Amino acid sequence: MVGKAKFGVIALLLALGFASNASAGTIFITPISPVPLLYGNETGQAQIDDIIIGEFGLCPTCFNAYKADVGDAQNPNTIESGLFADDYSTQFTNDPLDPQDATITCDGPDYIDTDPIYLLVKDGAQIPAWYLFDISDWNGTDTIELTGFWPTEGAISHVQIYTGEEEQHNGPEPSSLLLLGTALVALGLGRRWFR
């Protein structure tokens, strides 16, 4: 009886460990890696939106899924907007009001799972003033680490994620559910085996 209980506890711990690590990952983005899809000197957000989604748009079906603006002296908090504003958070680092780095984290329960997905990193007063990255391979839950943007002059003013479909997913990723299901099947088989 004790052997059966130990097997069950070990199998359950392994299943939970695999399920919790299935979506843990980080993608790293710098001004040169991966190579930006586009970059430009336009400083107005409306001009950039025209390039990405507007009249001259790269992705006419895209919309603002998530945007995080750096705070200011009066309101130092990050200002988040977009359909997924409650599901992601961004921490600007170095100097939180004059950052070169940022970390975008999925807090869930929903996450972006569409194609295409673009990430905009904008300054506004430098050349180039913004970078656009194609992150369509991103699973929507991995952390995005941005480093080295305008390190000598300028700083990130905001980050923005555009996507092409208004689709969202709730709860754990399918890969996590698959691992958990596999572990539960193994538990069932283990109970039969040790009877």
Foldseek 3Di string as FASTA:
>chain_A
DVVLVVVLVVLQVVLVVCLVCVLEAEDEDEPPPPHFPDWAAAQDPVVVCCPDQNPVHPAVLKDWAKKWFQDAPVGRDIDMDHVCRVQKDKQFDPPSNFGQKMKIAGNDQKFDQAPWKKKKWAWRPDVRGITIHTPRVDRRGYMYIYHDHQVPDTGTRMMTMMHRDPDMDGHGDPVSVVSNVVSVVVSVVSVVVVD
